[in-house]
N, C-alpha and C. Protein backbone atom coordinates (compact mmCIF):
# COMPACT_ATOMS: atom_id res chain seq x y z
N MET A 1 10.97 61.10 -37.64
CA MET A 1 11.20 59.51 -37.17
C MET A 1 12.26 59.00 -38.18
N SER A 2 12.30 58.27 -37.41
CA SER A 2 13.44 57.51 -38.21
C SER A 2 12.49 56.07 -38.59
N GLU A 3 13.44 55.24 -39.58
CA GLU A 3 12.46 53.96 -40.04
C GLU A 3 12.28 52.97 -39.05
N SER A 4 13.19 52.58 -37.90
CA SER A 4 13.21 52.00 -37.16
C SER A 4 12.17 52.12 -36.21
N ILE A 5 11.54 53.49 -35.80
CA ILE A 5 10.49 53.47 -34.96
C ILE A 5 9.52 53.76 -35.52
N VAL A 6 9.43 53.78 -36.94
CA VAL A 6 7.74 53.36 -37.36
C VAL A 6 7.89 51.95 -37.39
N ILE A 7 8.70 51.11 -37.84
CA ILE A 7 9.12 49.52 -38.13
C ILE A 7 8.56 49.10 -36.44
N LEU A 8 9.42 49.49 -35.56
CA LEU A 8 8.58 49.23 -34.30
C LEU A 8 7.42 49.46 -34.04
N MET A 9 6.39 50.82 -34.17
CA MET A 9 5.47 51.54 -34.08
C MET A 9 4.37 49.82 -34.58
N ILE A 10 4.40 50.31 -36.11
CA ILE A 10 3.83 49.34 -36.51
C ILE A 10 3.46 48.08 -36.23
N SER A 11 4.64 47.07 -35.77
CA SER A 11 4.69 46.16 -35.62
C SER A 11 3.99 45.85 -33.87
N ILE A 12 4.19 46.99 -33.51
CA ILE A 12 4.36 46.69 -31.84
C ILE A 12 2.37 46.84 -31.71
N SER A 13 1.40 47.88 -32.69
CA SER A 13 0.35 48.06 -33.16
C SER A 13 -0.19 46.91 -33.63
N THR A 14 0.12 46.00 -34.67
CA THR A 14 -0.40 44.83 -35.11
C THR A 14 0.04 43.88 -34.07
N PHE A 15 0.36 43.87 -33.54
CA PHE A 15 0.64 42.56 -32.46
C PHE A 15 -0.43 42.80 -31.59
N LEU A 16 -0.57 43.90 -30.71
CA LEU A 16 -1.56 44.94 -29.88
C LEU A 16 -3.03 44.31 -30.76
N GLY A 17 -2.95 44.60 -31.87
CA GLY A 17 -4.42 44.40 -32.42
C GLY A 17 -4.59 42.73 -33.03
N ALA A 18 -3.79 42.38 -32.90
CA ALA A 18 -4.11 40.52 -33.11
C ALA A 18 -4.47 40.24 -32.11
N ILE A 19 -3.76 40.41 -30.37
CA ILE A 19 -4.13 40.05 -29.37
C ILE A 19 -5.39 40.12 -28.91
N GLY A 20 -5.99 41.89 -29.53
CA GLY A 20 -7.79 42.12 -28.96
C GLY A 20 -8.44 41.14 -30.02
N LEU A 21 -8.09 41.07 -31.05
CA LEU A 21 -8.62 39.91 -32.40
C LEU A 21 -9.17 38.43 -31.95
N ILE A 22 -7.34 38.08 -31.20
CA ILE A 22 -7.96 37.13 -30.69
C ILE A 22 -8.71 36.78 -29.33
N ALA A 23 -8.38 37.65 -28.23
CA ALA A 23 -9.51 37.50 -27.18
C ALA A 23 -11.09 38.25 -27.45
N LEU A 24 -11.39 38.37 -28.29
CA LEU A 24 -12.63 38.67 -28.84
C LEU A 24 -13.12 37.62 -29.91
N ILE A 25 -12.24 36.66 -30.07
CA ILE A 25 -12.21 35.67 -31.08
C ILE A 25 -13.20 33.95 -29.85
N TRP A 26 -11.84 34.38 -29.08
CA TRP A 26 -12.11 33.73 -27.74
C TRP A 26 -12.94 33.61 -26.43
N ALA A 27 -13.61 34.93 -26.55
CA ALA A 27 -14.63 35.24 -26.35
C ALA A 27 -16.20 35.08 -26.42
N VAL A 28 -15.98 35.18 -27.89
CA VAL A 28 -17.53 34.52 -28.35
C VAL A 28 -17.31 33.10 -28.37
N LYS A 29 -16.48 32.66 -28.49
CA LYS A 29 -16.57 30.99 -28.46
C LYS A 29 -16.64 30.50 -27.39
N THR A 30 -16.33 31.12 -26.34
CA THR A 30 -17.04 30.27 -24.43
C THR A 30 -17.97 31.12 -24.33
N GLY A 31 -18.84 31.86 -24.90
CA GLY A 31 -20.09 32.45 -24.49
C GLY A 31 -19.99 33.51 -23.54
N GLN A 32 -18.77 34.40 -23.86
CA GLN A 32 -18.85 35.06 -22.22
C GLN A 32 -19.84 36.21 -23.08
N PHE A 33 -20.65 36.56 -24.02
CA PHE A 33 -21.59 37.28 -24.50
C PHE A 33 -22.91 36.95 -24.00
N ASP A 34 -23.12 35.85 -24.00
CA ASP A 34 -24.20 35.29 -23.87
C ASP A 34 -25.12 35.65 -22.52
N ASP A 35 -26.41 35.99 -22.32
CA ASP A 35 -26.94 36.20 -21.32
C ASP A 35 -28.20 35.27 -21.13
N HIS A 36 -27.97 33.91 -20.74
CA HIS A 36 -29.48 32.87 -20.67
C HIS A 36 -29.85 33.56 -19.90
N SER A 37 -29.68 34.09 -18.82
CA SER A 37 -31.50 34.90 -17.94
C SER A 37 -32.02 35.60 -18.83
N LYS A 38 -31.03 36.41 -19.71
CA LYS A 38 -32.21 37.33 -20.25
C LYS A 38 -33.70 36.96 -20.60
N PHE A 39 -34.11 36.10 -21.00
CA PHE A 39 -35.00 35.88 -21.26
C PHE A 39 -36.46 35.32 -20.01
N ILE A 40 -35.45 34.72 -19.69
CA ILE A 40 -36.55 34.29 -18.16
C ILE A 40 -36.47 35.66 -17.38
N ASP A 41 -35.81 36.50 -17.05
CA ASP A 41 -35.71 37.75 -16.04
C ASP A 41 -37.10 38.43 -16.88
N ALA A 42 -37.05 38.68 -18.08
CA ALA A 42 -38.41 39.12 -18.53
C ALA A 42 -39.51 38.61 -18.90
N VAL A 43 -39.91 37.23 -18.65
CA VAL A 43 -41.08 36.72 -18.59
C VAL A 43 -41.26 37.23 -17.11
N ARG A 44 -40.62 36.93 -16.22
CA ARG A 44 -40.77 36.75 -15.03
C ARG A 44 -41.52 38.56 -14.34
N HIS A 45 -40.61 39.18 -15.40
CA HIS A 45 -41.18 40.59 -14.68
C HIS A 45 -42.21 41.38 -15.44
N ASP A 46 -42.80 40.78 -16.52
CA ASP A 46 -44.19 41.12 -17.41
C ASP A 46 -45.41 40.90 -16.66
N ASN A 47 -46.31 41.86 -16.71
CA ASN A 47 -47.77 41.46 -16.14
C ASN A 47 -48.47 40.69 -17.51
N GLU A 48 -49.57 40.12 -17.08
CA GLU A 48 -50.64 39.79 -18.00
C GLU A 48 -50.88 40.81 -19.01
N GLU A 49 -50.94 42.24 -18.92
CA GLU A 49 -51.58 43.01 -19.92
C GLU A 49 -50.35 42.98 -20.91
N ASP A 50 -49.21 43.08 -20.25
CA ASP A 50 -47.97 43.36 -21.30
C ASP A 50 -47.77 41.90 -22.18
N LEU A 51 -48.30 40.80 -21.51
CA LEU A 51 -48.28 39.64 -22.92
C LEU A 51 -49.31 39.52 -23.65
N GLN A 52 -50.51 40.51 -22.84
CA GLN A 52 -51.62 40.35 -23.68
C GLN A 52 -51.21 41.25 -25.00
N ASP A 53 -50.91 42.37 -24.83
CA ASP A 53 -50.38 43.20 -25.80
C ASP A 53 -49.64 42.78 -27.14
N ALA A 54 -48.66 41.94 -26.65
CA ALA A 54 -47.67 41.56 -27.61
C ALA A 54 -48.45 40.13 -27.91
N ALA A 55 -49.58 40.02 -27.61
CA ALA A 55 -50.27 38.81 -28.23
C ALA A 55 -50.94 38.74 -29.52
N ILE A 56 -51.89 40.66 -29.26
CA ILE A 56 -52.44 41.17 -30.09
C ILE A 56 -51.63 42.36 -31.21
N MET A 57 -50.39 42.44 -30.76
CA MET A 57 -49.48 42.73 -32.01
C MET A 57 -49.21 42.29 -32.71
N SER A 58 -48.70 40.60 -32.66
CA SER A 58 -48.32 39.66 -33.20
C SER A 58 -49.49 39.18 -34.02
N GLU A 59 -51.04 39.11 -33.92
CA GLU A 59 -51.91 38.87 -34.71
C GLU A 59 -51.80 40.13 -35.58
N LYS A 60 -52.04 41.50 -35.34
CA LYS A 60 -51.88 42.42 -35.77
C LYS A 60 -50.98 42.14 -37.24
N LYS A 61 -49.98 41.40 -36.54
CA LYS A 61 -48.57 41.79 -37.83
C LYS A 61 -49.21 40.72 -38.90
N LYS A 62 -49.43 39.48 -37.91
CA LYS A 62 -49.86 38.27 -39.48
C LYS A 62 -50.84 38.98 -40.15
N ARG A 63 -51.57 39.37 -39.46
CA ARG A 63 -52.70 39.36 -40.53
C ARG A 63 -52.53 40.42 -41.38
N TYR A 64 -51.74 41.85 -41.17
CA TYR A 64 -51.08 42.95 -41.77
C TYR A 64 -50.14 42.26 -43.24
N GLN A 65 -49.20 41.11 -42.30
CA GLN A 65 -48.68 41.09 -43.60
C GLN A 65 -49.56 39.38 -44.58
N LYS A 66 -50.24 39.02 -44.57
CA LYS A 66 -51.21 38.54 -45.00
C LYS A 66 -51.78 38.89 -46.58
N LYS A 67 -52.19 40.26 -46.17
CA LYS A 67 -53.35 40.93 -46.90
C LYS A 67 -51.90 42.14 -47.30
N ASN A 68 -51.00 42.54 -47.18
CA ASN A 68 -50.41 43.30 -47.54
C ASN A 68 -49.25 43.25 -48.93
N PRO A 69 -49.07 41.87 -49.22
CA PRO A 69 -48.31 41.84 -50.71
C PRO A 69 -49.02 42.84 -52.05
N LEU A 70 -50.04 42.27 -51.83
CA LEU A 70 -50.93 43.10 -53.17
C LEU A 70 -50.98 44.58 -52.80
N GLU A 71 -51.62 45.11 -52.02
CA GLU A 71 -51.19 46.06 -51.28
C GLU A 71 -49.93 47.17 -51.52
N LYS A 72 -48.52 46.26 -50.98
CA LYS A 72 -47.79 46.62 -51.23
C LYS A 72 -47.40 47.42 -52.76
N LYS A 73 -47.51 46.34 -53.16
CA LYS A 73 -47.29 46.55 -54.68
C LYS A 73 -47.63 47.82 -55.03
N LYS A 74 -49.18 47.88 -55.02
CA LYS A 74 -49.83 49.19 -55.13
C LYS A 74 -49.03 50.46 -54.92
N LEU A 75 -48.89 50.52 -53.80
CA LEU A 75 -48.46 51.84 -52.97
C LEU A 75 -46.65 51.97 -53.55
N ASP A 76 -46.12 50.45 -53.88
CA ASP A 76 -44.88 50.95 -54.71
C ASP A 76 -44.74 51.56 -56.07
N THR A 77 -45.71 51.30 -56.71
CA THR A 77 -45.57 51.69 -58.40
C THR A 77 -46.36 53.37 -57.62
N LYS A 78 -47.58 53.61 -57.43
CA LYS A 78 -48.11 54.98 -57.04
C LYS A 78 -47.04 55.99 -56.71
N ASN A 79 -46.34 55.77 -55.64
CA ASN A 79 -45.34 56.34 -54.63
C ASN A 79 -44.10 56.38 -55.84
N TYR A 80 -43.62 55.81 -56.75
CA TYR A 80 -42.84 55.24 -57.01
C TYR A 80 -41.79 57.24 -57.87
N MET A 81 -40.89 57.27 -56.88
CA MET A 81 -39.84 58.79 -57.01
C MET A 81 -38.46 58.27 -57.54
N PRO A 82 -37.87 58.51 -59.26
CA PRO A 82 -36.73 57.96 -59.40
C PRO A 82 -35.43 58.80 -58.19
N PRO A 83 -34.74 58.25 -58.36
CA PRO A 83 -33.31 58.56 -57.39
C PRO A 83 -32.79 59.92 -58.17
N ASP A 84 -32.28 60.55 -56.74
CA ASP A 84 -31.61 61.49 -58.01
C ASP A 84 -30.39 61.97 -58.08
């Protein structure tokens, strides 16, 4: 392949890549990827049992995070293995 063809291919691919990047930035800025009804639909289709399970799980997570720092340090030192 001659040098002029390689230069032409590189310039065209750079131009197309720049157009793609500009299109992606434009789409993100204008909110094309935003899903405003996602959370509304999720709540609409959940039943009471799922919501109660979510509340119980968040309470368990909070309790675990409160008591975890001391236990985590103990476990980290007990199970320490040097990298290979």
